[in-house]
């Protein structure tokens, strides 16, 4: 955005402070209402709003606001996604394997990020912004599909159907 190194360093912290506040707020809401899917979707939508502002706006104030939204979206979704997965997997070993796989794919995201945010695309980083937006869209689609699947399974159990994961009394967290 054309700031000096010192100014840029000072501008790095506020988006992460905002992300921490939203992250804790999302955790409190998720625990209170026993929901995770809508929180994940809401954060992904924030990313879909913030990323184009960050990448394509010309006003630095608007771009910095986009940084806030994108940082909040990304950081607040990490614990929400991990909790959504952990709440809906039964069995200690199955949960451990799923958690390790989820964290591993998060690490692969960092590798992909280093290849799509290329120096030659500066300062707009079009391929990187588009890749990240597509990823946020996929998060929304996958979360909607999984939440629908979980909702239908919960309804089946409510009607007296087959128990989820063979465990009586278990219900998926939506």
N, C-alpha and C. Protein backbone atom coordinates (compact mmCIF):
# COMPACT_ATOMS: atom_id res chain seq x y z
N UNK A 1 0.82 -1.20 0.00
CA UNK A 1 0.00 0.00 0.00
C UNK A 1 0.85 1.25 0.00
N UNK A 2 2.17 1.07 -0.04
CA UNK A 2 3.05 2.22 -0.16
C UNK A 2 3.49 2.82 1.16
N UNK A 3 3.28 2.15 2.28
CA UNK A 3 3.69 2.68 3.58
C UNK A 3 5.16 2.36 3.83
N UNK A 4 5.78 3.16 4.72
CA UNK A 4 7.15 2.85 5.14
C UNK A 4 7.13 1.54 5.93
N UNK A 5 8.30 0.96 6.08
CA UNK A 5 8.39 -0.31 6.81
C UNK A 5 7.88 -0.15 8.24
N UNK A 6 8.25 0.94 8.90
CA UNK A 6 7.81 1.16 10.28
C UNK A 6 6.29 1.30 10.36
N UNK A 7 5.72 2.08 9.46
CA UNK A 7 4.25 2.24 9.45
C UNK A 7 3.56 0.92 9.14
N UNK A 8 4.09 0.20 8.18
CA UNK A 8 3.50 -1.09 7.81
C UNK A 8 3.53 -2.06 8.99
N UNK A 9 4.62 -2.06 9.74
CA UNK A 9 4.72 -2.93 10.91
C UNK A 9 3.68 -2.56 11.97
N UNK A 10 3.43 -1.27 12.12
CA UNK A 10 2.42 -0.84 13.10
C UNK A 10 1.01 -1.20 12.65
N UNK A 11 0.79 -1.28 11.34
CA UNK A 11 -0.53 -1.58 10.81
C UNK A 11 -0.83 -3.08 10.76
N UNK A 12 0.15 -3.91 11.06
CA UNK A 12 -0.05 -5.36 11.02
C UNK A 12 -0.88 -5.84 12.21
N UNK A 13 -0.66 -5.32 13.38
CA UNK A 13 -1.28 -5.85 14.59
C UNK A 13 -2.81 -5.65 14.69
N UNK A 14 -3.36 -4.48 14.35
CA UNK A 14 -4.80 -4.30 14.56
C UNK A 14 -5.71 -5.33 13.90
N UNK A 15 -5.45 -5.77 12.66
CA UNK A 15 -6.34 -6.80 12.11
C UNK A 15 -6.32 -8.11 12.90
N UNK A 16 -5.16 -8.45 13.46
CA UNK A 16 -5.07 -9.68 14.25
C UNK A 16 -5.75 -9.54 15.61
N UNK A 17 -5.72 -8.35 16.18
CA UNK A 17 -6.45 -8.10 17.43
C UNK A 17 -7.95 -8.24 17.15
N UNK A 18 -8.41 -7.65 16.06
CA UNK A 18 -9.83 -7.77 15.68
C UNK A 18 -10.19 -9.24 15.43
N UNK A 19 -9.31 -9.98 14.78
CA UNK A 19 -9.56 -11.40 14.51
C UNK A 19 -9.67 -12.18 15.81
N UNK A 20 -8.82 -11.86 16.78
CA UNK A 20 -8.89 -12.56 18.07
C UNK A 20 -10.21 -12.29 18.77
N UNK A 21 -10.67 -11.07 18.73
CA UNK A 21 -11.96 -10.72 19.36
C UNK A 21 -13.10 -11.49 18.68
N UNK A 22 -13.12 -11.48 17.35
CA UNK A 22 -14.17 -12.19 16.62
C UNK A 22 -14.06 -13.69 16.87
N UNK A 23 -12.84 -14.21 16.92
CA UNK A 23 -12.64 -15.63 17.17
C UNK A 23 -13.25 -16.05 18.51
N UNK A 24 -12.98 -15.28 19.55
CA UNK A 24 -13.54 -15.60 20.86
C UNK A 24 -15.06 -15.42 20.86
N UNK A 25 -15.56 -14.41 20.17
CA UNK A 25 -17.00 -14.22 20.05
C UNK A 25 -17.68 -15.38 19.34
N UNK A 26 -17.07 -15.84 18.26
CA UNK A 26 -17.61 -16.99 17.52
C UNK A 26 -17.60 -18.24 18.39
N UNK A 27 -16.55 -18.43 19.16
CA UNK A 27 -16.47 -19.59 20.05
C UNK A 27 -17.58 -19.54 21.10
N UNK A 28 -17.81 -18.37 21.67
CA UNK A 28 -18.86 -18.23 22.69
C UNK A 28 -20.24 -18.49 22.08
N UNK A 29 -20.50 -17.93 20.90
CA UNK A 29 -21.78 -18.17 20.23
C UNK A 29 -21.96 -19.63 19.85
N UNK A 30 -20.91 -20.22 19.31
CA UNK A 30 -20.97 -21.62 18.92
C UNK A 30 -21.25 -22.54 20.09
N UNK A 31 -20.61 -22.27 21.23
CA UNK A 31 -20.84 -23.09 22.42
C UNK A 31 -22.22 -22.86 23.01
N UNK A 32 -22.67 -21.63 23.00
CA UNK A 32 -23.97 -21.31 23.59
C UNK A 32 -25.12 -21.93 22.80
N UNK A 33 -25.04 -21.85 21.47
CA UNK A 33 -26.14 -22.32 20.63
C UNK A 33 -25.88 -23.66 19.96
N UNK A 34 -24.74 -24.27 20.25
CA UNK A 34 -24.37 -25.59 19.70
C UNK A 34 -24.43 -25.59 18.17
N UNK A 35 -23.82 -24.59 17.58
CA UNK A 35 -23.74 -24.49 16.12
C UNK A 35 -22.29 -24.22 15.72
N UNK A 36 -21.94 -24.68 14.56
CA UNK A 36 -20.62 -24.37 14.00
C UNK A 36 -20.74 -24.00 12.53
N UNK A 37 -21.57 -24.71 11.78
CA UNK A 37 -21.71 -24.47 10.35
C UNK A 37 -22.02 -23.02 9.99
N UNK A 38 -23.03 -22.40 10.60
CA UNK A 38 -23.32 -21.01 10.25
C UNK A 38 -22.16 -20.05 10.57
N UNK A 39 -21.40 -20.36 11.59
CA UNK A 39 -20.25 -19.52 11.93
C UNK A 39 -19.18 -19.65 10.84
N UNK A 40 -18.93 -20.88 10.41
CA UNK A 40 -17.94 -21.11 9.35
C UNK A 40 -18.37 -20.39 8.07
N UNK A 41 -19.63 -20.53 7.72
CA UNK A 41 -20.14 -19.89 6.51
C UNK A 41 -20.06 -18.37 6.63
N UNK A 42 -20.46 -17.83 7.77
CA UNK A 42 -20.38 -16.38 7.98
C UNK A 42 -18.97 -15.84 7.85
N UNK A 43 -18.02 -16.55 8.42
CA UNK A 43 -16.62 -16.12 8.30
C UNK A 43 -16.13 -16.22 6.85
N UNK A 44 -16.52 -17.26 6.14
CA UNK A 44 -16.11 -17.40 4.75
C UNK A 44 -16.71 -16.27 3.89
N UNK A 45 -17.94 -15.88 4.20
CA UNK A 45 -18.55 -14.75 3.49
C UNK A 45 -17.76 -13.47 3.76
N UNK A 46 -17.33 -13.28 5.01
CA UNK A 46 -16.47 -12.12 5.31
C UNK A 46 -15.22 -12.13 4.43
N UNK A 47 -14.65 -13.32 4.24
CA UNK A 47 -13.49 -13.43 3.37
C UNK A 47 -13.81 -13.06 1.94
N UNK A 48 -14.98 -13.47 1.47
CA UNK A 48 -15.39 -13.14 0.10
C UNK A 48 -15.68 -11.65 -0.09
N UNK A 49 -15.93 -10.97 0.99
CA UNK A 49 -16.10 -9.51 0.92
C UNK A 49 -14.73 -8.82 1.04
N UNK A 50 -13.93 -9.28 1.99
CA UNK A 50 -12.65 -8.62 2.28
C UNK A 50 -11.58 -8.81 1.22
N UNK A 51 -11.52 -9.99 0.63
CA UNK A 51 -10.46 -10.27 -0.35
C UNK A 51 -10.53 -9.38 -1.59
N UNK A 52 -11.71 -9.19 -2.20
CA UNK A 52 -11.73 -8.27 -3.35
C UNK A 52 -11.41 -6.83 -2.96
N UNK A 53 -11.83 -6.43 -1.75
CA UNK A 53 -11.49 -5.07 -1.29
C UNK A 53 -9.98 -4.94 -1.17
N UNK A 54 -9.37 -5.93 -0.60
CA UNK A 54 -7.92 -5.93 -0.42
C UNK A 54 -7.19 -5.95 -1.76
N UNK A 55 -7.65 -6.77 -2.68
CA UNK A 55 -6.93 -6.97 -3.92
C UNK A 55 -7.23 -5.98 -5.03
N UNK A 56 -8.45 -5.44 -5.04
CA UNK A 56 -8.84 -4.68 -6.22
C UNK A 56 -9.25 -3.23 -5.96
N UNK A 57 -9.44 -2.84 -4.71
CA UNK A 57 -9.78 -1.44 -4.42
C UNK A 57 -8.55 -0.56 -4.64
N UNK A 58 -8.79 0.71 -4.94
CA UNK A 58 -7.68 1.63 -5.17
C UNK A 58 -7.40 2.50 -3.95
N UNK A 59 -8.38 2.70 -3.10
CA UNK A 59 -8.22 3.53 -1.91
C UNK A 59 -7.56 2.69 -0.82
N UNK A 60 -6.49 3.21 -0.22
CA UNK A 60 -5.77 2.46 0.82
C UNK A 60 -6.62 2.19 2.05
N UNK A 61 -7.51 3.11 2.41
CA UNK A 61 -8.39 2.89 3.56
C UNK A 61 -9.32 1.70 3.32
N UNK A 62 -9.86 1.63 2.12
CA UNK A 62 -10.75 0.51 1.76
C UNK A 62 -9.96 -0.79 1.72
N UNK A 63 -8.76 -0.74 1.16
CA UNK A 63 -7.91 -1.93 1.11
C UNK A 63 -7.56 -2.41 2.52
N UNK A 64 -7.27 -1.48 3.41
CA UNK A 64 -6.93 -1.86 4.78
C UNK A 64 -8.15 -2.46 5.48
N UNK A 65 -9.34 -1.94 5.21
CA UNK A 65 -10.56 -2.55 5.74
C UNK A 65 -10.69 -3.98 5.21
N UNK A 66 -10.35 -4.19 3.94
CA UNK A 66 -10.34 -5.53 3.38
C UNK A 66 -9.37 -6.45 4.09
N UNK A 67 -8.23 -5.90 4.51
CA UNK A 67 -7.26 -6.68 5.30
C UNK A 67 -7.92 -7.15 6.59
N UNK A 68 -8.65 -6.26 7.26
CA UNK A 68 -9.35 -6.63 8.49
C UNK A 68 -10.31 -7.79 8.23
N UNK A 69 -11.17 -7.63 7.22
CA UNK A 69 -12.17 -8.67 6.96
C UNK A 69 -11.52 -9.99 6.58
N UNK A 70 -10.51 -9.96 5.73
CA UNK A 70 -9.85 -11.20 5.31
C UNK A 70 -9.12 -11.86 6.47
N UNK A 71 -8.47 -11.08 7.31
CA UNK A 71 -7.75 -11.63 8.46
C UNK A 71 -8.73 -12.23 9.47
N UNK A 72 -9.83 -11.52 9.71
CA UNK A 72 -10.86 -12.05 10.62
C UNK A 72 -11.41 -13.36 10.07
N UNK A 73 -11.76 -13.36 8.79
CA UNK A 73 -12.36 -14.54 8.18
C UNK A 73 -11.46 -15.76 8.31
N UNK A 74 -10.22 -15.59 7.97
CA UNK A 74 -9.28 -16.70 7.98
C UNK A 74 -8.99 -17.18 9.40
N UNK A 75 -8.69 -16.28 10.28
CA UNK A 75 -8.28 -16.68 11.63
C UNK A 75 -9.43 -17.15 12.50
N UNK A 76 -10.60 -16.57 12.34
CA UNK A 76 -11.74 -17.01 13.15
C UNK A 76 -12.28 -18.35 12.68
N UNK A 77 -12.02 -18.72 11.44
CA UNK A 77 -12.53 -20.00 10.95
C UNK A 77 -11.67 -21.19 11.36
N UNK A 78 -10.45 -20.98 11.73
CA UNK A 78 -9.59 -22.11 12.09
C UNK A 78 -10.16 -22.87 13.29
N UNK A 79 -10.43 -22.22 14.43
CA UNK A 79 -11.00 -23.01 15.53
C UNK A 79 -12.42 -23.47 15.25
N UNK A 80 -13.19 -22.71 14.46
CA UNK A 80 -14.55 -23.14 14.14
C UNK A 80 -14.54 -24.43 13.32
N UNK A 81 -13.67 -24.50 12.33
CA UNK A 81 -13.58 -25.71 11.49
C UNK A 81 -13.05 -26.89 12.30
N UNK A 82 -12.04 -26.66 13.12
CA UNK A 82 -11.50 -27.74 13.94
C UNK A 82 -12.56 -28.28 14.91
N UNK A 83 -13.36 -27.40 15.48
CA UNK A 83 -14.40 -27.81 16.42
C UNK A 83 -15.54 -28.51 15.70
N UNK A 84 -15.92 -28.01 14.53
CA UNK A 84 -16.98 -28.64 13.72
C UNK A 84 -16.59 -30.08 13.42
N UNK A 85 -15.35 -30.28 13.03
CA UNK A 85 -14.87 -31.62 12.74
C UNK A 85 -14.84 -32.48 14.00
N UNK A 86 -14.29 -31.96 15.08
CA UNK A 86 -14.15 -32.75 16.30
C UNK A 86 -15.51 -33.10 16.92
N UNK A 87 -16.47 -32.20 16.83
CA UNK A 87 -17.80 -32.47 17.40
C UNK A 87 -18.55 -33.55 16.63
N UNK A 88 -18.22 -33.75 15.38
CA UNK A 88 -19.02 -34.63 14.53
C UNK A 88 -18.33 -35.95 14.18
N UNK A 89 -17.24 -36.25 14.84
CA UNK A 89 -16.54 -37.51 14.63
C UNK A 89 -16.57 -38.27 15.95
N UNK A 90 -16.98 -39.49 15.89
CA UNK A 90 -17.01 -40.34 17.09
C UNK A 90 -15.81 -41.26 17.07
N UNK A 91 -15.33 -41.61 18.21
CA UNK A 91 -14.20 -42.53 18.34
C UNK A 91 -12.89 -41.77 18.43
N UNK A 92 -12.10 -42.15 19.41
CA UNK A 92 -10.85 -41.44 19.69
C UNK A 92 -9.88 -41.51 18.51
N UNK A 93 -9.68 -42.68 17.92
CA UNK A 93 -8.70 -42.83 16.85
C UNK A 93 -9.19 -42.18 15.56
N UNK A 94 -10.46 -42.31 15.29
CA UNK A 94 -11.02 -41.68 14.09
C UNK A 94 -10.91 -40.15 14.20
N UNK A 95 -11.21 -39.62 15.38
CA UNK A 95 -11.10 -38.18 15.61
C UNK A 95 -9.65 -37.71 15.48
N UNK A 96 -8.72 -38.48 16.02
CA UNK A 96 -7.30 -38.12 15.94
C UNK A 96 -6.83 -38.10 14.48
N UNK A 97 -7.22 -39.12 13.71
CA UNK A 97 -6.82 -39.17 12.31
C UNK A 97 -7.44 -38.00 11.53
N UNK A 98 -8.71 -37.72 11.76
CA UNK A 98 -9.37 -36.61 11.06
C UNK A 98 -8.75 -35.27 11.43
N UNK A 99 -8.43 -35.09 12.70
CA UNK A 99 -7.80 -33.83 13.13
C UNK A 99 -6.44 -33.66 12.48
N UNK A 100 -5.65 -34.73 12.45
CA UNK A 100 -4.33 -34.66 11.84
C UNK A 100 -4.44 -34.37 10.34
N UNK A 101 -5.41 -34.97 9.68
CA UNK A 101 -5.61 -34.73 8.25
C UNK A 101 -6.02 -33.29 8.00
N UNK A 102 -6.93 -32.78 8.81
CA UNK A 102 -7.40 -31.40 8.66
C UNK A 102 -6.25 -30.41 8.86
N UNK A 103 -5.46 -30.61 9.89
CA UNK A 103 -4.33 -29.72 10.15
C UNK A 103 -3.29 -29.86 9.03
N UNK A 104 -3.08 -31.08 8.55
CA UNK A 104 -2.15 -31.30 7.45
C UNK A 104 -2.56 -30.56 6.19
N UNK A 105 -3.86 -30.62 5.85
CA UNK A 105 -4.33 -29.89 4.68
C UNK A 105 -4.22 -28.38 4.88
N UNK A 106 -4.35 -27.91 6.13
CA UNK A 106 -4.10 -26.49 6.41
C UNK A 106 -2.67 -26.11 6.09
N UNK A 107 -1.73 -27.01 6.40
CA UNK A 107 -0.33 -26.76 6.06
C UNK A 107 -0.09 -26.76 4.56
N UNK A 108 -0.80 -27.64 3.85
CA UNK A 108 -0.69 -27.66 2.39
C UNK A 108 -1.20 -26.34 1.81
N UNK A 109 -2.19 -25.74 2.47
CA UNK A 109 -2.68 -24.43 2.04
C UNK A 109 -1.57 -23.39 2.04
N UNK A 110 -0.68 -23.47 3.01
CA UNK A 110 0.46 -22.55 3.06
C UNK A 110 1.41 -22.77 1.89
N UNK A 111 1.57 -24.02 1.51
CA UNK A 111 2.42 -24.32 0.35
C UNK A 111 1.78 -23.77 -0.91
N UNK A 112 0.50 -23.99 -1.08
CA UNK A 112 -0.21 -23.48 -2.25
C UNK A 112 -0.13 -21.95 -2.27
N UNK A 113 -0.32 -21.32 -1.10
CA UNK A 113 -0.24 -19.87 -1.02
C UNK A 113 1.08 -19.32 -1.52
N UNK A 114 2.16 -20.04 -1.24
CA UNK A 114 3.47 -19.56 -1.69
C UNK A 114 3.64 -19.66 -3.20
N UNK A 115 2.80 -20.46 -3.85
CA UNK A 115 2.91 -20.59 -5.31
C UNK A 115 1.92 -19.70 -6.06
N UNK A 116 0.82 -19.30 -5.42
CA UNK A 116 -0.16 -18.47 -6.13
C UNK A 116 0.02 -16.98 -5.86
N UNK A 117 0.67 -16.62 -4.78
CA UNK A 117 0.99 -15.21 -4.50
C UNK A 117 2.44 -14.98 -4.96
N UNK A 118 2.59 -14.72 -6.24
CA UNK A 118 3.91 -14.61 -6.86
C UNK A 118 4.37 -13.15 -6.90
N UNK A 119 5.67 -12.95 -6.86
CA UNK A 119 6.24 -11.60 -6.93
C UNK A 119 5.84 -10.86 -8.20
N UNK A 120 5.78 -11.57 -9.30
CA UNK A 120 5.47 -10.89 -10.56
C UNK A 120 4.03 -10.40 -10.64
N UNK A 121 3.16 -10.84 -9.72
CA UNK A 121 1.76 -10.39 -9.71
C UNK A 121 1.54 -9.20 -8.78
N UNK A 122 2.60 -8.72 -8.12
CA UNK A 122 2.47 -7.58 -7.20
C UNK A 122 2.08 -6.34 -7.99
N UNK A 123 1.36 -5.43 -7.44
CA UNK A 123 0.85 -5.35 -6.07
C UNK A 123 -0.56 -5.93 -5.91
N UNK A 124 -1.23 -6.29 -7.01
CA UNK A 124 -2.62 -6.76 -6.91
C UNK A 124 -2.73 -8.24 -6.55
N UNK A 125 -1.76 -9.05 -6.95
CA UNK A 125 -1.75 -10.49 -6.67
C UNK A 125 -3.04 -11.18 -7.11
N UNK A 126 -3.45 -10.92 -8.34
CA UNK A 126 -4.70 -11.45 -8.88
C UNK A 126 -4.88 -12.95 -8.73
N UNK A 127 -3.91 -13.78 -9.16
CA UNK A 127 -4.10 -15.23 -9.02
C UNK A 127 -4.25 -15.67 -7.55
N UNK A 128 -3.50 -15.05 -6.67
CA UNK A 128 -3.60 -15.40 -5.25
C UNK A 128 -4.94 -15.01 -4.65
N UNK A 129 -5.39 -13.80 -4.97
CA UNK A 129 -6.69 -13.34 -4.45
C UNK A 129 -7.80 -14.23 -4.98
N UNK A 130 -7.76 -14.55 -6.28
CA UNK A 130 -8.79 -15.41 -6.87
C UNK A 130 -8.76 -16.81 -6.28
N UNK A 131 -7.58 -17.37 -6.09
CA UNK A 131 -7.47 -18.70 -5.49
C UNK A 131 -8.05 -18.71 -4.08
N UNK A 132 -7.76 -17.68 -3.32
CA UNK A 132 -8.27 -17.59 -1.95
C UNK A 132 -9.78 -17.41 -1.95
N UNK A 133 -10.30 -16.62 -2.89
CA UNK A 133 -11.75 -16.44 -2.98
C UNK A 133 -12.44 -17.76 -3.37
N UNK A 134 -11.85 -18.48 -4.30
CA UNK A 134 -12.42 -19.78 -4.69
C UNK A 134 -12.41 -20.73 -3.50
N UNK A 135 -11.33 -20.70 -2.73
CA UNK A 135 -11.24 -21.54 -1.53
C UNK A 135 -12.33 -21.19 -0.53
N UNK A 136 -12.58 -19.90 -0.34
CA UNK A 136 -13.65 -19.48 0.57
C UNK A 136 -15.02 -19.94 0.06
N UNK A 137 -15.21 -19.86 -1.25
CA UNK A 137 -16.45 -20.36 -1.84
C UNK A 137 -16.61 -21.86 -1.62
N UNK A 138 -15.52 -22.60 -1.76
CA UNK A 138 -15.57 -24.05 -1.51
C UNK A 138 -15.88 -24.35 -0.05
N UNK A 139 -15.34 -23.56 0.85
CA UNK A 139 -15.65 -23.74 2.28
C UNK A 139 -17.16 -23.59 2.49
N UNK A 140 -17.76 -22.61 1.85
CA UNK A 140 -19.21 -22.40 1.99
C UNK A 140 -19.98 -23.59 1.44
N UNK A 141 -19.63 -24.03 0.24
CA UNK A 141 -20.35 -25.14 -0.39
C UNK A 141 -20.20 -26.42 0.43
N UNK A 142 -18.98 -26.75 0.82
CA UNK A 142 -18.74 -27.98 1.57
C UNK A 142 -19.44 -27.93 2.92
N UNK A 143 -19.37 -26.79 3.60
CA UNK A 143 -20.03 -26.67 4.90
C UNK A 143 -21.54 -26.80 4.75
N UNK A 144 -22.12 -26.20 3.71
CA UNK A 144 -23.56 -26.34 3.49
C UNK A 144 -23.94 -27.80 3.25
N UNK A 145 -23.16 -28.49 2.42
CA UNK A 145 -23.46 -29.89 2.13
C UNK A 145 -23.32 -30.77 3.38
N UNK A 146 -22.26 -30.55 4.14
CA UNK A 146 -22.07 -31.35 5.36
C UNK A 146 -23.15 -31.05 6.40
N UNK A 147 -23.52 -29.79 6.53
CA UNK A 147 -24.56 -29.42 7.50
C UNK A 147 -25.90 -30.03 7.09
N UNK A 148 -26.19 -30.04 5.80
CA UNK A 148 -27.42 -30.68 5.32
C UNK A 148 -27.39 -32.17 5.62
N UNK A 149 -26.27 -32.81 5.34
CA UNK A 149 -26.13 -34.24 5.64
C UNK A 149 -26.33 -34.51 7.13
N UNK A 150 -25.71 -33.70 7.96
CA UNK A 150 -25.84 -33.87 9.41
C UNK A 150 -27.28 -33.62 9.87
N UNK A 151 -27.92 -32.61 9.32
CA UNK A 151 -29.30 -32.29 9.67
C UNK A 151 -30.23 -33.46 9.33
N UNK A 152 -30.06 -34.02 8.13
CA UNK A 152 -30.90 -35.15 7.73
C UNK A 152 -30.65 -36.37 8.61
N UNK A 153 -29.40 -36.61 8.98
CA UNK A 153 -29.08 -37.73 9.88
C UNK A 153 -29.71 -37.51 11.25
N UNK A 154 -29.65 -36.28 11.76
CA UNK A 154 -30.29 -35.99 13.05
C UNK A 154 -31.79 -36.20 12.98
N UNK A 155 -32.42 -35.78 11.87
CA UNK A 155 -33.87 -35.97 11.69
C UNK A 155 -34.21 -37.46 11.66
N UNK A 156 -33.38 -38.25 10.97
CA UNK A 156 -33.59 -39.70 10.91
C UNK A 156 -33.59 -40.30 12.31
N UNK A 157 -32.64 -39.89 13.13
CA UNK A 157 -32.55 -40.40 14.50
C UNK A 157 -33.77 -39.94 15.31
N UNK A 158 -34.19 -38.69 15.11
CA UNK A 158 -35.36 -38.18 15.83
C UNK A 158 -36.62 -38.98 15.50
N UNK A 159 -36.69 -39.51 14.28
CA UNK A 159 -37.85 -40.30 13.87
C UNK A 159 -37.73 -41.75 14.33
N UNK A 160 -36.66 -42.07 15.03
CA UNK A 160 -36.47 -43.44 15.52
C UNK A 160 -35.66 -44.31 14.58
N UNK A 161 -34.96 -43.70 13.65
CA UNK A 161 -34.15 -44.45 12.68
C UNK A 161 -32.83 -44.91 13.26
N UNK A 162 -31.98 -45.39 12.36
CA UNK A 162 -30.67 -45.92 12.73
C UNK A 162 -29.83 -44.89 13.46
N UNK A 163 -29.16 -45.32 14.53
CA UNK A 163 -28.31 -44.43 15.33
C UNK A 163 -27.11 -43.98 14.50
N UNK A 164 -26.69 -42.74 14.72
CA UNK A 164 -25.54 -42.18 14.01
C UNK A 164 -24.26 -42.83 14.56
N UNK A 165 -23.42 -43.29 13.64
CA UNK A 165 -22.14 -43.91 14.00
C UNK A 165 -22.33 -45.09 14.97
N UNK A 166 -23.53 -45.65 15.02
CA UNK A 166 -23.82 -46.78 15.89
C UNK A 166 -23.85 -46.42 17.37
N UNK A 167 -23.94 -45.14 17.70
CA UNK A 167 -23.93 -44.70 19.10
C UNK A 167 -25.27 -44.07 19.45
N UNK A 168 -25.98 -44.70 20.33
CA UNK A 168 -27.27 -44.19 20.78
C UNK A 168 -27.10 -42.83 21.45
N UNK A 169 -27.98 -41.91 21.14
CA UNK A 169 -27.97 -40.60 21.77
C UNK A 169 -27.05 -39.58 21.12
N UNK A 170 -26.22 -40.02 20.16
CA UNK A 170 -25.32 -39.08 19.50
C UNK A 170 -26.08 -38.30 18.43
N UNK A 171 -25.84 -37.00 18.39
CA UNK A 171 -26.41 -36.14 17.36
C UNK A 171 -25.29 -35.25 16.83
N UNK A 172 -25.33 -35.01 15.53
CA UNK A 172 -24.34 -34.14 14.92
C UNK A 172 -24.54 -32.70 15.37
N UNK A 173 -23.44 -31.97 15.48
CA UNK A 173 -23.48 -30.52 15.74
C UNK A 173 -23.59 -29.83 14.40
N UNK A 174 -24.57 -28.98 14.28
CA UNK A 174 -24.77 -28.28 13.01
C UNK A 174 -24.02 -26.98 13.07
